[in-house]
Amino acid sequence: MLPILTALIGAVLGALAARRRRGSGFDMAQWAAVWAIIGGLLGLIALIILARL
């Protein structure tokens, strides 16, 4: 559940970052996808660490 949540948060933050820089719709989609991947990976790492404790 954690990786999905962090991926969604990353996508929202990425889209907002692209919008703040006055990007087009394609820019917002690309930034959202990249930030979602990063957020999902960070959430996955956090989940693995929490499961190992």
Protein backbone atom coordinates (compact mmCIF):
# COMPACT_ATOMS: atom_id res chain seq x y z
CA MET A 1 0.00 0.00 0.00
CA LEU A 2 2.84 2.36 0.83
CA PRO A 3 4.45 2.32 -2.66
CA ILE A 4 1.11 3.10 -4.30
CA LEU A 5 0.49 5.99 -1.93
CA THR A 6 3.96 7.46 -2.43
CA ALA A 7 3.67 7.03 -6.20
CA LEU A 8 0.40 8.98 -6.21
CA ILE A 9 1.91 11.71 -4.05
CA GLY A 10 4.91 11.84 -6.37
CA ALA A 11 2.68 12.14 -9.43
CA VAL A 12 0.76 15.03 -7.93
CA LEU A 13 3.95 16.81 -6.87
CA GLY A 14 5.50 16.27 -10.30
CA ALA A 15 2.48 17.68 -12.11
CA LEU A 16 2.44 20.69 -9.80
CA ALA A 17 6.16 21.27 -10.35
CA ALA A 18 5.69 21.23 -14.13
CA ARG A 19 2.69 23.52 -13.88
CA ARG A 20 4.66 25.96 -11.73
CA ARG A 21 7.27 26.11 -14.51
CA ARG A 22 4.52 26.79 -17.06
CA GLY A 23 4.87 23.45 -18.83
CA SER A 24 2.46 22.09 -21.38
CA GLY A 25 0.19 19.13 -20.76
CA PHE A 26 2.83 16.76 -22.07
CA ASP A 27 5.40 18.26 -19.70
CA MET A 28 3.06 17.79 -16.76
CA ALA A 29 2.41 14.18 -17.77
CA GLN A 30 6.11 13.43 -18.12
CA TRP A 31 7.03 15.08 -14.82
CA ALA A 32 4.16 13.27 -13.10
CA ALA A 33 5.31 9.92 -14.48
CA VAL A 34 8.93 10.42 -13.47
CA TRP A 35 8.05 11.64 -9.99
CA ALA A 36 5.58 8.77 -9.58
CA ILE A 37 8.32 6.26 -10.40
CA ILE A 38 10.68 7.92 -7.93
CA GLY A 39 7.98 8.05 -5.26
CA GLY A 40 7.03 4.43 -5.84
CA LEU A 41 10.64 3.30 -5.52
CA LEU A 42 11.12 5.29 -2.33
CA GLY A 43 7.91 3.81 -0.94
CA LEU A 44 9.04 0.31 -1.88
CA ILE A 45 12.39 0.83 -0.14
CA ALA A 46 10.60 2.16 2.94
CA LEU A 47 8.25 -0.82 2.93
CA ILE A 48 11.16 -3.28 2.73
CA ILE A 49 12.92 -1.50 5.60
CA LEU A 50 9.76 -1.54 7.71
CA ALA A 51 9.16 -5.22 6.99
CA ARG A 52 12.70 -6.12 8.04
CA LEU A 53 12.38 -4.48 11.47
